[in-house]
PDB file of N, CA and C in Angstrom:
ATOM      1  N   UNK A   1     -10.666  14.952   1.279  1.00  0.00           N
ATOM      2  CA  UNK A   1     -11.245  13.727   0.757  1.00  0.00           C
ATOM      3  C   UNK A   1     -10.398  13.252  -0.427  1.00  0.00           C
ATOM      4  N   UNK A   2     -10.066  11.992  -0.422  1.00  0.00           N
ATOM      5  CA  UNK A   2      -9.224  11.428  -1.473  1.00  0.00           C
ATOM      6  C   UNK A   2      -9.992  11.305  -2.780  1.00  0.00           C
ATOM      7  N   UNK A   3      -9.314  11.626  -3.874  1.00  0.00           N
ATOM      8  CA  UNK A   3      -9.916  11.495  -5.194  1.00  0.00           C
ATOM      9  C   UNK A   3      -9.620  10.129  -5.794  1.00  0.00           C
ATOM     10  N   UNK A   4      -8.762   9.354  -5.119  1.00  0.00           N
ATOM     11  CA  UNK A   4      -8.441   8.021  -5.615  1.00  0.00           C
ATOM     12  C   UNK A   4      -9.629   7.106  -5.404  1.00  0.00           C
ATOM     13  N   UNK A   5     -10.046   6.469  -6.472  1.00  0.00           N
ATOM     14  CA  UNK A   5     -11.189   5.558  -6.392  1.00  0.00           C
ATOM     15  C   UNK A   5     -10.753   4.197  -6.904  1.00  0.00           C
ATOM     16  N   UNK A   6     -11.134   3.163  -6.197  1.00  0.00           N
ATOM     17  CA  UNK A   6     -10.860   1.816  -6.659  1.00  0.00           C
ATOM     18  C   UNK A   6     -11.866   1.462  -7.741  1.00  0.00           C
ATOM     19  N   UNK A   7     -11.393   0.844  -8.794  1.00  0.00           N
ATOM     20  CA  UNK A   7     -12.281   0.446  -9.881  1.00  0.00           C
ATOM     21  C   UNK A   7     -13.281  -0.584  -9.380  1.00  0.00           C
ATOM     22  N   UNK A   8     -12.824  -1.469  -8.503  1.00  0.00           N
ATOM     23  CA  UNK A   8     -13.687  -2.483  -7.912  1.00  0.00           C
ATOM     24  C   UNK A   8     -13.808  -2.157  -6.423  1.00  0.00           C
ATOM     25  N   UNK A   9     -14.925  -1.565  -6.004  1.00  0.00           N
ATOM     26  CA  UNK A   9     -15.065  -1.150  -4.600  1.00  0.00           C
ATOM     27  C   UNK A   9     -14.833  -2.282  -3.598  1.00  0.00           C
ATOM     28  N   UNK A  10     -15.128  -3.502  -3.993  1.00  0.00           N
ATOM     29  CA  UNK A  10     -14.957  -4.637  -3.089  1.00  0.00           C
ATOM     30  C   UNK A  10     -13.477  -4.908  -2.802  1.00  0.00           C
ATOM     31  N   UNK A  11     -12.590  -4.306  -3.570  1.00  0.00           N
ATOM     32  CA  UNK A  11     -11.153  -4.532  -3.401  1.00  0.00           C
ATOM     33  C   UNK A  11     -10.565  -3.694  -2.263  1.00  0.00           C
ATOM     34  N   UNK A  12     -11.348  -2.810  -1.671  1.00  0.00           N
ATOM     35  CA  UNK A  12     -10.838  -1.925  -0.624  1.00  0.00           C
ATOM     36  C   UNK A  12     -10.207  -2.699   0.525  1.00  0.00           C
ATOM     37  N   UNK A  13     -10.846  -3.732   0.992  1.00  0.00           N
ATOM     38  CA  UNK A  13     -10.315  -4.504   2.110  1.00  0.00           C
ATOM     39  C   UNK A  13      -8.981  -5.158   1.737  1.00  0.00           C
ATOM     40  N   UNK A  14      -8.887  -5.682   0.523  1.00  0.00           N
ATOM     41  CA  UNK A  14      -7.643  -6.308   0.076  1.00  0.00           C
ATOM     42  C   UNK A  14      -6.537  -5.269  -0.048  1.00  0.00           C
ATOM     43  N   UNK A  15      -6.854  -4.091  -0.560  1.00  0.00           N
ATOM     44  CA  UNK A  15      -5.851  -3.033  -0.693  1.00  0.00           C
ATOM     45  C   UNK A  15      -5.396  -2.528   0.675  1.00  0.00           C
ATOM     46  N   UNK A  16      -6.318  -2.423   1.610  1.00  0.00           N
ATOM     47  CA  UNK A  16      -5.948  -2.015   2.966  1.00  0.00           C
ATOM     48  C   UNK A  16      -5.005  -3.034   3.598  1.00  0.00           C
ATOM     49  N   UNK A  17      -5.290  -4.309   3.399  1.00  0.00           N
ATOM     50  CA  UNK A  17      -4.431  -5.373   3.935  1.00  0.00           C
ATOM     51  C   UNK A  17      -3.054  -5.311   3.275  1.00  0.00           C
ATOM     52  N   UNK A  18      -3.030  -5.110   1.970  1.00  0.00           N
ATOM     53  CA  UNK A  18      -1.782  -5.018   1.219  1.00  0.00           C
ATOM     54  C   UNK A  18      -0.952  -3.835   1.728  1.00  0.00           C
ATOM     55  N   UNK A  19      -1.610  -2.706   1.976  1.00  0.00           N
ATOM     56  CA  UNK A  19      -0.925  -1.516   2.474  1.00  0.00           C
ATOM     57  C   UNK A  19      -0.339  -1.766   3.866  1.00  0.00           C
ATOM     58  N   UNK A  20      -1.096  -2.444   4.716  1.00  0.00           N
ATOM     59  CA  UNK A  20      -0.610  -2.752   6.067  1.00  0.00           C
ATOM     60  C   UNK A  20       0.605  -3.681   6.009  1.00  0.00           C
ATOM     61  N   UNK A  21       0.564  -4.670   5.125  1.00  0.00           N
ATOM     62  CA  UNK A  21       1.692  -5.588   4.969  1.00  0.00           C
ATOM     63  C   UNK A  21       2.932  -4.845   4.472  1.00  0.00           C
ATOM     64  N   UNK A  22       2.751  -3.956   3.503  1.00  0.00           N
ATOM     65  CA  UNK A  22       3.871  -3.175   2.969  1.00  0.00           C
ATOM     66  C   UNK A  22       4.459  -2.279   4.060  1.00  0.00           C
ATOM     67  N   UNK A  23       3.603  -1.651   4.851  1.00  0.00           N
ATOM     68  CA  UNK A  23       4.076  -0.789   5.936  1.00  0.00           C
ATOM     69  C   UNK A  23       4.883  -1.599   6.948  1.00  0.00           C
ATOM     70  N   UNK A  24       4.398  -2.781   7.266  1.00  0.00           N
ATOM     71  CA  UNK A  24       5.094  -3.653   8.207  1.00  0.00           C
ATOM     72  C   UNK A  24       6.470  -4.041   7.670  1.00  0.00           C
ATOM     73  N   UNK A  25       6.549  -4.325   6.374  1.00  0.00           N
ATOM     74  CA  UNK A  25       7.808  -4.741   5.754  1.00  0.00           C
ATOM     75  C   UNK A  25       8.866  -3.636   5.778  1.00  0.00           C
ATOM     76  N   UNK A  26       8.435  -2.377   5.705  1.00  0.00           N
ATOM     77  CA  UNK A  26       9.397  -1.270   5.717  1.00  0.00           C
ATOM     78  C   UNK A  26       9.530  -0.648   7.103  1.00  0.00           C
ATOM     79  N   UNK A  27       8.860  -1.220   8.088  1.00  0.00           N
ATOM     80  CA  UNK A  27       9.016  -0.775   9.471  1.00  0.00           C
ATOM     81  C   UNK A  27       8.261   0.481   9.843  1.00  0.00           C
ATOM     82  N   UNK A  28       7.155   0.747   9.165  1.00  0.00           N
ATOM     83  CA  UNK A  28       6.332   1.912   9.481  1.00  0.00           C
ATOM     84  C   UNK A  28       5.105   1.443  10.253  1.00  0.00           C
ATOM     85  N   UNK A  29       4.854   2.105  11.384  1.00  0.00           N
ATOM     86  CA  UNK A  29       3.697   1.752  12.220  1.00  0.00           C
ATOM     87  C   UNK A  29       2.451   2.418  11.640  1.00  0.00           C
ATOM     88  N   UNK A  30       1.721   1.667  10.832  1.00  0.00           N
ATOM     89  CA  UNK A  30       0.512   2.176  10.191  1.00  0.00           C
ATOM     90  C   UNK A  30      -0.686   1.680  10.984  1.00  0.00           C
ATOM     91  N   UNK A  31      -1.612   2.560  11.241  1.00  0.00           N
ATOM     92  CA  UNK A  31      -2.809   2.167  11.987  1.00  0.00           C
ATOM     93  C   UNK A  31      -4.036   2.265  11.092  1.00  0.00           C
ATOM     94  N   UNK A  32      -5.091   1.592  11.474  1.00  0.00           N
ATOM     95  CA  UNK A  32      -6.344   1.667  10.730  1.00  0.00           C
ATOM     96  C   UNK A  32      -6.861   3.099  10.799  1.00  0.00           C
ATOM     97  N   UNK A  33      -7.426   3.573   9.719  1.00  0.00           N
ATOM     98  CA  UNK A  33      -7.999   4.910   9.701  1.00  0.00           C
ATOM     99  C   UNK A  33      -6.991   5.973   9.306  1.00  0.00           C
ATOM    100  N   UNK A  34      -7.077   7.108   9.942  1.00  0.00           N
ATOM    101  CA  UNK A  34      -6.279   8.282   9.596  1.00  0.00           C
ATOM    102  C   UNK A  34      -4.812   8.095   9.971  1.00  0.00           C
ATOM    103  N   UNK A  35      -3.929   8.384   9.030  1.00  0.00           N
ATOM    104  CA  UNK A  35      -2.486   8.295   9.273  1.00  0.00           C
ATOM    105  C   UNK A  35      -1.787   9.570   8.830  1.00  0.00           C
ATOM    106  N   UNK A  36      -2.414  10.709   9.078  1.00  0.00           N
ATOM    107  CA  UNK A  36      -1.872  11.991   8.660  1.00  0.00           C
ATOM    108  C   UNK A  36      -0.609  12.399   9.388  1.00  0.00           C
ATOM    109  N   UNK A  37      -0.251  11.653  10.425  1.00  0.00           N
ATOM    110  CA  UNK A  37       0.965  11.974  11.161  1.00  0.00           C
ATOM    111  C   UNK A  37       2.216  11.335  10.558  1.00  0.00           C
ATOM    112  N   UNK A  38       2.057  10.598   9.460  1.00  0.00           N
ATOM    113  CA  UNK A  38       3.215  10.001   8.802  1.00  0.00           C
ATOM    114  C   UNK A  38       4.023  11.070   8.089  1.00  0.00           C
ATOM    115  N   UNK A  39       5.331  10.867   8.053  1.00  0.00           N
ATOM    116  CA  UNK A  39       6.164  11.770   7.267  1.00  0.00           C
ATOM    117  C   UNK A  39       6.036  11.407   5.796  1.00  0.00           C
ATOM    118  N   UNK A  40       6.447  12.314   4.938  1.00  0.00           N
ATOM    119  CA  UNK A  40       6.432  12.031   3.499  1.00  0.00           C
ATOM    120  C   UNK A  40       7.322  10.843   3.184  1.00  0.00           C
ATOM    121  N   UNK A  41       8.443  10.756   3.882  1.00  0.00           N
ATOM    122  CA  UNK A  41       9.373   9.644   3.672  1.00  0.00           C
ATOM    123  C   UNK A  41       8.710   8.315   4.028  1.00  0.00           C
ATOM    124  N   UNK A  42       7.986   8.261   5.146  1.00  0.00           N
ATOM    125  CA  UNK A  42       7.306   7.032   5.551  1.00  0.00           C
ATOM    126  C   UNK A  42       6.219   6.653   4.547  1.00  0.00           C
ATOM    127  N   UNK A  43       5.400   7.626   4.165  1.00  0.00           N
ATOM    128  CA  UNK A  43       4.324   7.352   3.214  1.00  0.00           C
ATOM    129  C   UNK A  43       4.898   6.895   1.876  1.00  0.00           C
ATOM    130  N   UNK A  44       5.969   7.533   1.448  1.00  0.00           N
ATOM    131  CA  UNK A  44       6.616   7.154   0.196  1.00  0.00           C
ATOM    132  C   UNK A  44       7.214   5.771   0.242  1.00  0.00           C
ATOM    133  N   UNK A  45       7.765   5.396   1.397  1.00  0.00           N
ATOM    134  CA  UNK A  45       8.348   4.057   1.499  1.00  0.00           C
ATOM    135  C   UNK A  45       7.264   2.983   1.453  1.00  0.00           C
ATOM    136  N   UNK A  46       6.105   3.274   2.000  1.00  0.00           N
ATOM    137  CA  UNK A  46       4.991   2.322   1.927  1.00  0.00           C
ATOM    138  C   UNK A  46       4.534   2.177   0.480  1.00  0.00           C
ATOM    139  N   UNK A  47       4.306   3.292  -0.183  1.00  0.00           N
ATOM    140  CA  UNK A  47       3.888   3.258  -1.589  1.00  0.00           C
ATOM    141  C   UNK A  47       4.917   2.589  -2.469  1.00  0.00           C
ATOM    142  N   UNK A  48       6.184   2.897  -2.231  1.00  0.00           N
ATOM    143  CA  UNK A  48       7.256   2.277  -3.005  1.00  0.00           C
ATOM    144  C   UNK A  48       7.310   0.777  -2.817  1.00  0.00           C
ATOM    145  N   UNK A  49       7.109   0.330  -1.586  1.00  0.00           N
ATOM    146  CA  UNK A  49       7.101  -1.109  -1.305  1.00  0.00           C
ATOM    147  C   UNK A  49       5.916  -1.785  -1.994  1.00  0.00           C
ATOM    148  N   UNK A  50       4.780  -1.114  -2.024  1.00  0.00           N
ATOM    149  CA  UNK A  50       3.605  -1.672  -2.691  1.00  0.00           C
ATOM    150  C   UNK A  50       3.878  -1.838  -4.190  1.00  0.00           C
ATOM    151  N   UNK A  51       4.473  -0.803  -4.806  1.00  0.00           N
ATOM    152  CA  UNK A  51       4.787  -0.871  -6.236  1.00  0.00           C
ATOM    153  C   UNK A  51       5.804  -1.980  -6.493  1.00  0.00           C
ATOM    154  N   UNK A  52       6.820  -2.062  -5.648  1.00  0.00           N
ATOM    155  CA  UNK A  52       7.843  -3.104  -5.792  1.00  0.00           C
ATOM    156  C   UNK A  52       7.211  -4.492  -5.778  1.00  0.00           C
ATOM    157  N   UNK A  53       6.291  -4.720  -4.836  1.00  0.00           N
ATOM    158  CA  UNK A  53       5.628  -6.024  -4.728  1.00  0.00           C
ATOM    159  C   UNK A  53       4.745  -6.301  -5.942  1.00  0.00           C
ATOM    160  N   UNK A  54       4.067  -5.269  -6.456  1.00  0.00           N
ATOM    161  CA  UNK A  54       3.213  -5.451  -7.634  1.00  0.00           C
ATOM    162  C   UNK A  54       4.051  -5.779  -8.865  1.00  0.00           C
ATOM    163  N   UNK A  55       5.190  -5.113  -9.017  1.00  0.00           N
ATOM    164  CA  UNK A  55       6.080  -5.392 -10.154  1.00  0.00           C
ATOM    165  C   UNK A  55       6.633  -6.804 -10.050  1.00  0.00           C
ATOM    166  N   UNK A  56       7.071  -7.205  -8.847  1.00  0.00           N
ATOM    167  CA  UNK A  56       7.577  -8.569  -8.647  1.00  0.00           C
ATOM    168  C   UNK A  56       6.514  -9.603  -8.995  1.00  0.00           C
ATOM    169  N   UNK A  57       5.274  -9.354  -8.561  1.00  0.00           N
ATOM    170  CA  UNK A  57       4.179 -10.277  -8.848  1.00  0.00           C
ATOM    171  C   UNK A  57       3.948 -10.387 -10.350  1.00  0.00           C
ATOM    172  N   UNK A  58       3.948  -9.239 -11.028  1.00  0.00           N
ATOM    173  CA  UNK A  58       3.753  -9.245 -12.477  1.00  0.00           C
ATOM    174  C   UNK A  58       4.872 -10.004 -13.179  1.00  0.00           C
ATOM    175  N   UNK A  59       6.118  -9.717 -12.787  1.00  0.00           N
ATOM    176  CA  UNK A  59       7.249 -10.392 -13.416  1.00  0.00           C
ATOM    177  C   UNK A  59       7.191 -11.901 -13.211  1.00  0.00           C
ATOM    178  N   UNK A  60       6.753 -12.339 -12.037  1.00  0.00           N
ATOM    179  CA  UNK A  60       6.629 -13.777 -11.772  1.00  0.00           C
ATOM    180  C   UNK A  60       5.523 -14.413 -12.616  1.00  0.00           C
ATOM    181  N   UNK A  61       4.476 -13.661 -12.882  1.00  0.00           N
ATOM    182  CA  UNK A  61       3.374 -14.192 -13.699  1.00  0.00           C
ATOM    183  C   UNK A  61       3.745 -14.284 -15.163  1.00  0.00           C
ATOM    184  N   UNK A  62       4.600 -13.375 -15.633  1.00  0.00           N
ATOM    185  CA  UNK A  62       4.974 -13.324 -17.043  1.00  0.00           C
ATOM    186  C   UNK A  62       5.948 -14.445 -17.397  1.00  0.00           C
ATOM    187  N   UNK A  63       6.765 -14.846 -16.439  1.00  0.00           N
ATOM    188  CA  UNK A  63       7.785 -15.879 -16.689  1.00  0.00           C
ATOM    189  C   UNK A  63       7.199 -17.184 -17.095  1.00  0.00           C
TER     190      UNK A  63
END
């Protein structure tokens, strides 16, 4: 069971959509639900893409 908790529970759907978009951008076939068959490299590339997009969004807002 994941210990990661969203501060705003209603944001789960948006975060899931964001994760799917990031996976698509890096070419990882992510499915709804359990994805325990992903390699560490695939999971890391999804997370890295998500962070990259969040940083880009922040930088655009600050300008």
